C-alpha atoms as a PDB file:
ATOM      1  CA  UNK A   1      16.706 -53.169  18.521  1.00  0.00           C
ATOM      2  CA  UNK A   2      13.125 -53.955  17.384  1.00  0.00           C
ATOM      3  CA  UNK A   3      11.939 -50.811  19.139  1.00  0.00           C
ATOM      4  CA  UNK A   4      14.360 -48.711  17.096  1.00  0.00           C
ATOM      5  CA  UNK A   5      13.128 -50.368  13.937  1.00  0.00           C
ATOM      6  CA  UNK A   6       9.503 -49.727  14.905  1.00  0.00           C
ATOM      7  CA  UNK A   7      10.373 -46.107  15.632  1.00  0.00           C
ATOM      8  CA  UNK A   8      11.991 -45.691  12.208  1.00  0.00           C
ATOM      9  CA  UNK A   9       9.006 -47.315  10.501  1.00  0.00           C
ATOM     10  CA  UNK A  10       6.622 -44.959  12.314  1.00  0.00           C
ATOM     11  CA  UNK A  11       8.715 -41.923  11.386  1.00  0.00           C
ATOM     12  CA  UNK A  12       8.745 -42.971   7.730  1.00  0.00           C
ATOM     13  CA  UNK A  13       4.987 -43.570   7.786  1.00  0.00           C
ATOM     14  CA  UNK A  14       4.395 -40.104   9.266  1.00  0.00           C
ATOM     15  CA  UNK A  15       6.662 -38.434   6.678  1.00  0.00           C
ATOM     16  CA  UNK A  16       4.926 -40.214   3.797  1.00  0.00           C
ATOM     17  CA  UNK A  17       1.479 -39.218   5.068  1.00  0.00           C
ATOM     18  CA  UNK A  18       2.260 -35.500   4.847  1.00  0.00           C
ATOM     19  CA  UNK A  19       1.280 -33.483   1.773  1.00  0.00           C
ATOM     20  CA  UNK A  20       4.404 -31.303   1.997  1.00  0.00           C
ATOM     21  CA  UNK A  21       7.512 -32.293   0.021  1.00  0.00           C
ATOM     22  CA  UNK A  22      10.014 -33.162   2.770  1.00  0.00           C
ATOM     23  CA  UNK A  23      13.732 -33.925   2.685  1.00  0.00           C
ATOM     24  CA  UNK A  24      16.217 -34.509   5.570  1.00  0.00           C
ATOM     25  CA  UNK A  25      19.613 -32.885   5.025  1.00  0.00           C
ATOM     26  CA  UNK A  26      22.901 -33.365   6.869  1.00  0.00           C
ATOM     27  CA  UNK A  27      25.321 -30.591   7.879  1.00  0.00           C
ATOM     28  CA  UNK A  28      26.758 -30.502   4.338  1.00  0.00           C
ATOM     29  CA  UNK A  29      23.381 -30.250   2.645  1.00  0.00           C
ATOM     30  CA  UNK A  30      23.318 -33.857   1.459  1.00  0.00           C
ATOM     31  CA  UNK A  31      19.827 -35.308   1.181  1.00  0.00           C
ATOM     32  CA  UNK A  32      19.564 -38.287   3.516  1.00  0.00           C
ATOM     33  CA  UNK A  33      15.892 -39.101   3.142  1.00  0.00           C
ATOM     34  CA  UNK A  34      12.780 -37.876   1.326  1.00  0.00           C
ATOM     35  CA  UNK A  35       9.066 -38.600   1.660  1.00  0.00           C
ATOM     36  CA  UNK A  36       6.729 -39.860  -1.036  1.00  0.00           C
ATOM     37  CA  UNK A  37       5.434 -36.354  -1.848  1.00  0.00           C
ATOM     38  CA  UNK A  38       9.014 -35.209  -2.602  1.00  0.00           C
ATOM     39  CA  UNK A  39       9.660 -38.307  -4.689  1.00  0.00           C
ATOM     40  CA  UNK A  40       6.402 -37.956  -6.588  1.00  0.00           C
ATOM     41  CA  UNK A  41       7.125 -34.297  -7.409  1.00  0.00           C
ATOM     42  CA  UNK A  42      10.643 -35.184  -8.685  1.00  0.00           C
ATOM     43  CA  UNK A  43       9.219 -37.959 -10.850  1.00  0.00           C
ATOM     44  CA  UNK A  44       6.382 -35.868 -12.296  1.00  0.00           C
ATOM     45  CA  UNK A  45       8.748 -33.049 -13.194  1.00  0.00           C
ATOM     46  CA  UNK A  46      11.356 -35.372 -14.776  1.00  0.00           C
ATOM     47  CA  UNK A  47      14.045 -34.089 -12.442  1.00  0.00           C
ATOM     48  CA  UNK A  48      17.108 -35.934 -13.778  1.00  0.00           C
ATOM     49  CA  UNK A  49      19.386 -34.258 -11.258  1.00  0.00           C
ATOM     50  CA  UNK A  50      17.398 -35.896  -8.470  1.00  0.00           C
ATOM     51  CA  UNK A  51      18.242 -39.537  -9.296  1.00  0.00           C
ATOM     52  CA  UNK A  52      17.054 -42.137  -6.813  1.00  0.00           C
ATOM     53  CA  UNK A  53      14.517 -39.634  -5.452  1.00  0.00           C
ATOM     54  CA  UNK A  54      17.326 -37.136  -4.723  1.00  0.00           C
ATOM     55  CA  UNK A  55      18.819 -39.198  -1.844  1.00  0.00           C
ATOM     56  CA  UNK A  56      22.575 -38.675  -1.745  1.00  0.00           C
ATOM     57  CA  UNK A  57      22.431 -35.466  -3.796  1.00  0.00           C
ATOM     58  CA  UNK A  58      23.796 -32.218  -2.381  1.00  0.00           C
ATOM     59  CA  UNK A  59      20.683 -30.079  -2.257  1.00  0.00           C
ATOM     60  CA  UNK A  60      22.649 -26.901  -1.580  1.00  0.00           C
ATOM     61  CA  UNK A  61      24.825 -27.500  -4.620  1.00  0.00           C
ATOM     62  CA  UNK A  62      21.748 -27.973  -6.792  1.00  0.00           C
ATOM     63  CA  UNK A  63      20.291 -24.688  -5.513  1.00  0.00           C
ATOM     64  CA  UNK A  64      23.606 -22.842  -6.004  1.00  0.00           C
ATOM     65  CA  UNK A  65      23.881 -24.048  -9.599  1.00  0.00           C
ATOM     66  CA  UNK A  66      20.259 -23.307 -10.489  1.00  0.00           C
ATOM     67  CA  UNK A  67      19.746 -20.891 -13.379  1.00  0.00           C
ATOM     68  CA  UNK A  68      16.796 -19.555 -15.299  1.00  0.00           C
ATOM     69  CA  UNK A  69      13.690 -17.846 -13.887  1.00  0.00           C
ATOM     70  CA  UNK A  70      13.929 -19.690 -10.540  1.00  0.00           C
ATOM     71  CA  UNK A  71      17.683 -19.329 -10.065  1.00  0.00           C
ATOM     72  CA  UNK A  72      17.457 -16.318  -7.808  1.00  0.00           C
ATOM     73  CA  UNK A  73      14.914 -18.005  -5.527  1.00  0.00           C
ATOM     74  CA  UNK A  74      16.994 -21.223  -5.400  1.00  0.00           C
ATOM     75  CA  UNK A  75      20.130 -19.370  -4.352  1.00  0.00           C
ATOM     76  CA  UNK A  76      18.163 -17.494  -1.696  1.00  0.00           C
ATOM     77  CA  UNK A  77      16.887 -20.859  -0.358  1.00  0.00           C
ATOM     78  CA  UNK A  78      20.455 -22.237  -0.219  1.00  0.00           C
ATOM     79  CA  UNK A  79      21.595 -19.180   1.714  1.00  0.00           C
ATOM     80  CA  UNK A  80      18.737 -19.568   4.214  1.00  0.00           C
ATOM     81  CA  UNK A  81      19.438 -23.287   4.781  1.00  0.00           C
ATOM     82  CA  UNK A  82      23.093 -22.514   5.462  1.00  0.00           C
ATOM     83  CA  UNK A  83      22.020 -19.980   8.058  1.00  0.00           C
ATOM     84  CA  UNK A  84      20.008 -22.693   9.787  1.00  0.00           C
ATOM     85  CA  UNK A  85      22.938 -25.173   9.584  1.00  0.00           C
ATOM     86  CA  UNK A  86      25.322 -22.563  11.048  1.00  0.00           C
ATOM     87  CA  UNK A  87      22.907 -21.741  13.849  1.00  0.00           C
ATOM     88  CA  UNK A  88      22.434 -18.125  12.679  1.00  0.00           C
ATOM     89  CA  UNK A  89      18.653 -18.545  12.644  1.00  0.00           C
ATOM     90  CA  UNK A  90      16.346 -21.138  14.235  1.00  0.00           C
ATOM     91  CA  UNK A  91      14.278 -21.548  11.088  1.00  0.00           C
ATOM     92  CA  UNK A  92      14.145 -20.185   7.574  1.00  0.00           C
ATOM     93  CA  UNK A  93      10.820 -19.427   5.803  1.00  0.00           C
ATOM     94  CA  UNK A  94      10.375 -18.515   2.156  1.00  0.00           C
ATOM     95  CA  UNK A  95       7.592 -18.632  -0.458  1.00  0.00           C
ATOM     96  CA  UNK A  96       8.373 -18.730  -4.171  1.00  0.00           C
ATOM     97  CA  UNK A  97       6.774 -19.330  -7.567  1.00  0.00           C
ATOM     98  CA  UNK A  98       7.418 -22.547  -9.461  1.00  0.00           C
ATOM     99  CA  UNK A  99       5.384 -22.218 -12.657  1.00  0.00           C
ATOM    100  CA  UNK A 100       5.189 -24.960 -15.266  1.00  0.00           C
ATOM    101  CA  UNK A 101       3.442 -25.519 -18.611  1.00  0.00           C
ATOM    102  CA  UNK A 102       0.534 -27.005 -16.679  1.00  0.00           C
ATOM    103  CA  UNK A 103      -0.106 -23.765 -14.868  1.00  0.00           C
ATOM    104  CA  UNK A 104       0.997 -21.434 -12.137  1.00  0.00           C
ATOM    105  CA  UNK A 105       2.293 -22.878  -8.853  1.00  0.00           C
ATOM    106  CA  UNK A 106       3.627 -21.420  -5.609  1.00  0.00           C
ATOM    107  CA  UNK A 107       5.336 -23.141  -2.694  1.00  0.00           C
ATOM    108  CA  UNK A 108       6.007 -22.294   0.939  1.00  0.00           C
ATOM    109  CA  UNK A 109       9.442 -23.501   2.019  1.00  0.00           C
ATOM    110  CA  UNK A 110      10.582 -24.088   5.618  1.00  0.00           C
ATOM    111  CA  UNK A 111      13.923 -25.227   6.946  1.00  0.00           C
ATOM    112  CA  UNK A 112      14.510 -26.112  10.638  1.00  0.00           C
ATOM    113  CA  UNK A 113      17.145 -27.996  12.664  1.00  0.00           C
ATOM    114  CA  UNK A 114      16.103 -31.220  14.409  1.00  0.00           C
ATOM    115  CA  UNK A 115      16.617 -31.815  18.108  1.00  0.00           C
ATOM    116  CA  UNK A 116      18.830 -34.860  17.452  1.00  0.00           C
ATOM    117  CA  UNK A 117      22.094 -34.369  19.392  1.00  0.00           C
ATOM    118  CA  UNK A 118      23.996 -37.166  17.644  1.00  0.00           C
ATOM    119  CA  UNK A 119      24.273 -35.364  14.316  1.00  0.00           C
ATOM    120  CA  UNK A 120      22.971 -32.127  12.880  1.00  0.00           C
ATOM    121  CA  UNK A 121      19.934 -32.650  10.669  1.00  0.00           C
ATOM    122  CA  UNK A 122      17.846 -30.092   8.825  1.00  0.00           C
ATOM    123  CA  UNK A 123      14.258 -30.747   7.792  1.00  0.00           C
ATOM    124  CA  UNK A 124      13.369 -28.988   4.554  1.00  0.00           C
ATOM    125  CA  UNK A 125       9.689 -28.881   3.545  1.00  0.00           C
ATOM    126  CA  UNK A 126       7.951 -27.415   0.524  1.00  0.00           C
ATOM    127  CA  UNK A 127       4.174 -26.976   0.831  1.00  0.00           C
ATOM    128  CA  UNK A 128       2.029 -26.253  -2.207  1.00  0.00           C
ATOM    129  CA  UNK A 129       0.251 -22.955  -1.557  1.00  0.00           C
ATOM    130  CA  UNK A 130      -1.043 -22.418  -5.108  1.00  0.00           C
ATOM    131  CA  UNK A 131      -4.682 -22.315  -4.019  1.00  0.00           C
ATOM    132  CA  UNK A 132      -3.879 -19.665  -1.403  1.00  0.00           C
ATOM    133  CA  UNK A 133      -1.893 -17.558  -3.883  1.00  0.00           C
ATOM    134  CA  UNK A 134      -4.560 -17.786  -6.536  1.00  0.00           C
ATOM    135  CA  UNK A 135      -7.144 -16.703  -3.930  1.00  0.00           C
ATOM    136  CA  UNK A 136      -4.929 -13.759  -2.912  1.00  0.00           C
ATOM    137  CA  UNK A 137      -4.467 -12.833  -6.557  1.00  0.00           C
ATOM    138  CA  UNK A 138      -8.227 -13.041  -7.186  1.00  0.00           C
ATOM    139  CA  UNK A 139      -8.821 -10.900  -4.091  1.00  0.00           C
ATOM    140  CA  UNK A 140      -6.310  -8.270  -5.287  1.00  0.00           C
ATOM    141  CA  UNK A 141      -7.933  -8.229  -8.718  1.00  0.00           C
ATOM    142  CA  UNK A 142     -11.344  -7.934  -7.117  1.00  0.00           C
ATOM    143  CA  UNK A 143     -10.193  -5.038  -4.964  1.00  0.00           C
ATOM    144  CA  UNK A 144      -8.652  -3.337  -7.983  1.00  0.00           C
ATOM    145  CA  UNK A 145     -11.896  -3.804  -9.901  1.00  0.00           C
ATOM    146  CA  UNK A 146     -13.840  -2.305  -6.977  1.00  0.00           C
ATOM    147  CA  UNK A 147     -11.426   0.625  -6.777  1.00  0.00           C
ATOM    148  CA  UNK A 148     -11.724   1.216 -10.529  1.00  0.00           C
ATOM    149  CA  UNK A 149     -15.524   1.036 -10.303  1.00  0.00           C
ATOM    150  CA  UNK A 150     -15.551   3.407  -7.320  1.00  0.00           C
ATOM    151  CA  UNK A 151     -13.274   5.825  -9.158  1.00  0.00           C
ATOM    152  CA  UNK A 152     -15.469   5.599 -12.272  1.00  0.00           C
ATOM    153  CA  UNK A 153     -18.602   6.142 -10.156  1.00  0.00           C
ATOM    154  CA  UNK A 154     -16.975   9.126  -8.411  1.00  0.00           C
ATOM    155  CA  UNK A 155     -16.024  10.661 -11.787  1.00  0.00           C
ATOM    156  CA  UNK A 156     -19.564  10.077 -13.049  1.00  0.00           C
ATOM    157  CA  UNK A 157     -21.015  11.736  -9.920  1.00  0.00           C
ATOM    158  CA  UNK A 158     -18.721  14.714 -10.387  1.00  0.00           C
ATOM    159  CA  UNK A 159     -19.715  15.010 -14.051  1.00  0.00           C
ATOM    160  CA  UNK A 160     -23.405  14.664 -13.098  1.00  0.00           C
ATOM    161  CA  UNK A 161     -23.060  17.331 -10.385  1.00  0.00           C
ATOM    162  CA  UNK A 162     -21.419  19.710 -12.850  1.00  0.00           C
ATOM    163  CA  UNK A 163     -24.212  19.022 -15.356  1.00  0.00           C
ATOM    164  CA  UNK A 164     -26.913  19.596 -12.718  1.00  0.00           C
ATOM    165  CA  UNK A 165     -25.198  22.797 -11.553  1.00  0.00           C
ATOM    166  CA  UNK A 166     -25.132  24.065 -15.158  1.00  0.00           C
ATOM    167  CA  UNK A 167     -28.751  23.081 -15.612  1.00  0.00           C
ATOM    168  CA  UNK A 168     -29.785  24.811 -12.372  1.00  0.00           C
ATOM    169  CA  UNK A 169     -27.867  27.964 -13.405  1.00  0.00           C
ATOM    170  CA  UNK A 170     -29.520  27.894 -16.835  1.00  0.00           C
ATOM    171  CA  UNK A 171     -32.921  27.521 -15.156  1.00  0.00           C
ATOM    172  CA  UNK A 172     -32.222  30.464 -12.821  1.00  0.00           C
ATOM    173  CA  UNK A 173     -31.039  32.602 -15.731  1.00  0.00           C
ATOM    174  CA  UNK A 174     -34.192  31.743 -17.672  1.00  0.00           C
ATOM    175  CA  UNK A 175     -36.398  32.606 -14.679  1.00  0.00           C
ATOM    176  CA  UNK A 176     -34.693  35.930 -14.170  1.00  0.00           C
ATOM    177  CA  UNK A 177     -35.086  36.769 -17.880  1.00  0.00           C
ATOM    178  CA  UNK A 178     -38.780  35.885 -17.759  1.00  0.00           C
ATOM    179  CA  UNK A 179     -39.336  37.983 -14.649  1.00  0.00           C
ATOM    180  CA  UNK A 180     -37.320  40.901 -16.063  1.00  0.00           C
ATOM    181  CA  UNK A 181     -39.391  40.811 -19.284  1.00  0.00           C
ATOM    182  CA  UNK A 182     -42.643  40.610 -17.320  1.00  0.00           C
ATOM    183  CA  UNK A 183     -41.576  43.561 -15.178  1.00  0.00           C
ATOM    184  CA  UNK A 184     -40.421  45.666 -18.115  1.00  0.00           C
ATOM    185  CA  UNK A 185     -42.799  44.685 -20.891  1.00  0.00           C
ATOM    186  CA  UNK A 186     -46.065  43.561 -19.219  1.00  0.00           C
ATOM    187  CA  UNK A 187     -46.597  44.985 -15.723  1.00  0.00           C
ATOM    188  CA  UNK A 188     -46.338  48.694 -16.688  1.00  0.00           C
ATOM    189  CA  UNK A 189     -49.168  48.347 -19.204  1.00  0.00           C
ATOM    190  CA  UNK A 190     -51.204  46.216 -16.838  1.00  0.00           C
ATOM    191  CA  UNK A 191     -50.898  48.915 -14.158  1.00  0.00           C
ATOM    192  CA  UNK A 192     -52.091  51.536 -16.673  1.00  0.00           C
ATOM    193  CA  UNK A 193     -55.099  49.381 -17.522  1.00  0.00           C
ATOM    194  CA  UNK A 194     -55.928  48.939 -13.847  1.00  0.00           C
ATOM    195  CA  UNK A 195     -55.826  52.717 -13.376  1.00  0.00           C
ATOM    196  CA  UNK A 196     -57.897  53.511 -16.448  1.00  0.00           C
ATOM    197  CA  UNK A 197     -61.648  54.079 -16.552  1.00  0.00           C
ATOM    198  CA  UNK A 198     -62.818  50.668 -17.612  1.00  0.00           C
ATOM    199  CA  UNK A 199     -66.239  49.165 -17.879  1.00  0.00           C
ATOM    200  CA  UNK A 200     -67.026  46.515 -15.223  1.00  0.00           C
ATOM    201  CA  UNK A 201     -66.573  43.615 -17.682  1.00  0.00           C
ATOM    202  CA  UNK A 202     -63.233  44.989 -18.926  1.00  0.00           C
ATOM    203  CA  UNK A 203     -61.981  45.611 -15.378  1.00  0.00           C
ATOM    204  CA  UNK A 204     -62.878  42.034 -14.471  1.00  0.00           C
ATOM    205  CA  UNK A 205     -60.867  40.785 -17.434  1.00  0.00           C
ATOM    206  CA  UNK A 206     -57.866  42.904 -16.383  1.00  0.00           C
ATOM    207  CA  UNK A 207     -58.073  41.538 -12.844  1.00  0.00           C
ATOM    208  CA  UNK A 208     -58.232  37.948 -14.184  1.00  0.00           C
ATOM    209  CA  UNK A 209     -55.125  38.598 -16.288  1.00  0.00           C
ATOM    210  CA  UNK A 210     -53.334  40.138 -13.292  1.00  0.00           C
ATOM    211  CA  UNK A 211     -54.267  37.198 -11.041  1.00  0.00           C
ATOM    212  CA  UNK A 212     -53.183  34.572 -13.567  1.00  0.00           C
ATOM    213  CA  UNK A 213     -49.969  36.439 -14.281  1.00  0.00           C
ATOM    214  CA  UNK A 214     -49.148  36.465 -10.574  1.00  0.00           C
ATOM    215  CA  UNK A 215     -49.861  32.702 -10.413  1.00  0.00           C
ATOM    216  CA  UNK A 216     -47.451  32.127 -13.313  1.00  0.00           C
ATOM    217  CA  UNK A 217     -44.551  34.142 -11.893  1.00  0.00           C
ATOM    218  CA  UNK A 218     -44.992  33.343  -8.197  1.00  0.00           C
ATOM    219  CA  UNK A 219     -43.055  30.000  -8.401  1.00  0.00           C
ATOM    220  CA  UNK A 220     -40.100  31.904  -9.844  1.00  0.00           C
ATOM    221  CA  UNK A 221     -40.154  34.221  -6.838  1.00  0.00           C
ATOM    222  CA  UNK A 222     -39.330  31.357  -4.441  1.00  0.00           C
ATOM    223  CA  UNK A 223     -35.698  32.271  -5.159  1.00  0.00           C
ATOM    224  CA  UNK A 224     -34.632  35.307  -3.137  1.00  0.00           C
ATOM    225  CA  UNK A 225     -32.478  36.613  -6.006  1.00  0.00           C
ATOM    226  CA  UNK A 226     -35.450  36.469  -8.415  1.00  0.00           C
ATOM    227  CA  UNK A 227     -37.775  38.079  -5.876  1.00  0.00           C
ATOM    228  CA  UNK A 228     -35.739  41.289  -5.997  1.00  0.00           C
ATOM    229  CA  UNK A 229     -36.594  41.693  -9.682  1.00  0.00           C
ATOM    230  CA  UNK A 230     -40.346  42.320  -9.188  1.00  0.00           C
ATOM    231  CA  UNK A 231     -40.191  44.040  -5.811  1.00  0.00           C
ATOM    232  CA  UNK A 232     -40.171  47.790  -5.644  1.00  0.00           C
ATOM    233  CA  UNK A 233     -37.429  49.418  -3.489  1.00  0.00           C
ATOM    234  CA  UNK A 234     -39.894  50.118  -0.674  1.00  0.00           C
ATOM    235  CA  UNK A 235     -41.306  46.572  -0.875  1.00  0.00           C
ATOM    236  CA  UNK A 236     -37.779  45.241  -0.488  1.00  0.00           C
ATOM    237  CA  UNK A 237     -37.313  47.437   2.628  1.00  0.00           C
ATOM    238  CA  UNK A 238     -40.625  46.254   4.096  1.00  0.00           C
ATOM    239  CA  UNK A 239     -39.820  42.622   3.309  1.00  0.00           C
ATOM    240  CA  UNK A 240     -36.396  42.899   5.031  1.00  0.00           C
ATOM    241  CA  UNK A 241     -37.964  44.416   8.180  1.00  0.00           C
ATOM    242  CA  UNK A 242     -40.740  41.794   8.247  1.00  0.00           C
ATOM    243  CA  UNK A 243     -38.107  39.098   8.048  1.00  0.00           C
ATOM    244  CA  UNK A 244     -36.319  40.741  10.984  1.00  0.00           C
ATOM    245  CA  UNK A 245     -39.533  40.401  13.074  1.00  0.00           C
ATOM    246  CA  UNK A 246     -40.690  44.047  13.021  1.00  0.00           C
ATOM    247  CA  UNK A 247     -44.396  44.777  13.349  1.00  0.00           C
ATOM    248  CA  UNK A 248     -46.301  46.963  10.872  1.00  0.00           C
ATOM    249  CA  UNK A 249     -46.275  49.837  13.368  1.00  0.00           C
ATOM    250  CA  UNK A 250     -42.519  49.524  13.916  1.00  0.00           C
ATOM    251  CA  UNK A 251     -41.867  49.340  10.166  1.00  0.00           C
ATOM    252  CA  UNK A 252     -43.952  52.466   9.634  1.00  0.00           C
ATOM    253  CA  UNK A 253     -41.878  54.367  12.185  1.00  0.00           C
ATOM    254  CA  UNK A 254     -38.574  53.140  10.719  1.00  0.00           C
ATOM    255  CA  UNK A 255     -39.484  54.014   7.111  1.00  0.00           C
ATOM    256  CA  UNK A 256     -41.489  57.136   8.118  1.00  0.00           C
ATOM    257  CA  UNK A 257     -44.597  55.963   6.268  1.00  0.00           C
ATOM    258  CA  UNK A 258     -48.210  55.318   7.266  1.00  0.00           C
ATOM    259  CA  UNK A 259     -49.041  51.972   8.837  1.00  0.00           C
ATOM    260  CA  UNK A 260     -51.716  51.547   6.164  1.00  0.00           C
ATOM    261  CA  UNK A 261     -48.967  51.801   3.547  1.00  0.00           C
ATOM    262  CA  UNK A 262     -47.035  49.021   5.282  1.00  0.00           C
ATOM    263  CA  UNK A 263     -50.151  46.833   5.263  1.00  0.00           C
ATOM    264  CA  UNK A 264     -50.616  47.615   1.555  1.00  0.00           C
ATOM    265  CA  UNK A 265     -47.034  46.452   0.906  1.00  0.00           C
ATOM    266  CA  UNK A 266     -47.664  43.310   2.961  1.00  0.00           C
ATOM    267  CA  UNK A 267     -50.647  42.525   0.770  1.00  0.00           C
ATOM    268  CA  UNK A 268     -48.641  43.075  -2.415  1.00  0.00           C
ATOM    269  CA  UNK A 269     -45.805  40.900  -1.101  1.00  0.00           C
ATOM    270  CA  UNK A 270     -48.247  38.034  -0.466  1.00  0.00           C
ATOM    271  CA  UNK A 271     -49.687  38.445  -3.957  1.00  0.00           C
ATOM    272  CA  UNK A 272     -46.279  38.496  -5.628  1.00  0.00           C
ATOM    273  CA  UNK A 273     -45.127  35.465  -3.683  1.00  0.00           C
ATOM    274  CA  UNK A 274     -48.351  33.553  -4.413  1.00  0.00           C
ATOM    275  CA  UNK A 275     -49.263  33.230  -0.721  1.00  0.00           C
ATOM    276  CA  UNK A 276     -53.026  32.904  -1.185  1.00  0.00           C
ATOM    277  CA  UNK A 277     -53.412  30.843   1.955  1.00  0.00           C
ATOM    278  CA  UNK A 278     -53.735  33.354   4.793  1.00  0.00           C
ATOM    279  CA  UNK A 279     -52.468  30.751   7.276  1.00  0.00           C
ATOM    280  CA  UNK A 280     -49.044  30.900   5.680  1.00  0.00           C
ATOM    281  CA  UNK A 281     -46.953  33.328   7.756  1.00  0.00           C
ATOM    282  CA  UNK A 282     -45.267  35.968   5.576  1.00  0.00           C
ATOM    283  CA  UNK A 283     -42.206  36.261   7.857  1.00  0.00           C
ATOM    284  CA  UNK A 284     -41.672  32.458   7.938  1.00  0.00           C
ATOM    285  CA  UNK A 285     -41.865  32.384   4.152  1.00  0.00           C
ATOM    286  CA  UNK A 286     -39.315  35.224   3.820  1.00  0.00           C
ATOM    287  CA  UNK A 287     -36.994  33.453   6.291  1.00  0.00           C
ATOM    288  CA  UNK A 288     -37.233  30.242   4.224  1.00  0.00           C
ATOM    289  CA  UNK A 289     -36.034  32.151   1.165  1.00  0.00           C
ATOM    290  CA  UNK A 290     -32.882  33.378   2.919  1.00  0.00           C
END
């Protein structure tokens, strides 16, 4: 008999040491025993329906009669416990909110049959998982914030790309207008001056103007579309054949012109493209523009 008493004392001590709120139910749902955590929770929440720490109260009846915000969860719990009592499931698990004026709270509920063969017993435990839920909620909010920030950044990048595209188009349009004006309004008169009978000093000045003008427009000619503006039709043909790897002799045969003429066009192409460094290969440059 003392051994049985010692066993009961040990079981009670173990139950009271657990943080979960634990109650032992019989086959009818009557509370037979509770631990200190269960009793403390009932006392702190002024649970009048759980007189004498809920021992002797029909827990299933309390859940069935529950109303208000937690009524649906309580009835679901009662249904799950009955499934355990009837042997339909081995255990029933459920988490639910239990908010109060002091703050938000969540609990994880578990119901399981004991291995006692004398009489059916169901152990019902409620574990406070508020910290876990708050962490999950914070994580969800953090992920939402990151998604919103990523979406905002993506929209900003799209807007910036559109702006840069417009700016690049405006720049290209401006370059083409400058080149077109130079070709139509400046170069014809410069060519006439170069062909006129000028004194040595005046010819030097014309050559300086021509050189500086080529320096100014050569950066604009890095764009293949712009290059077509200042190239003559035959220069465009020669440039295309040079890019294809044809030699001056082969180009002369294809275009039916003198090889000296091809070399003259080569020189003009280098001038118009600003390739003053002779080590820069004309074909490689033309390929880079494609």
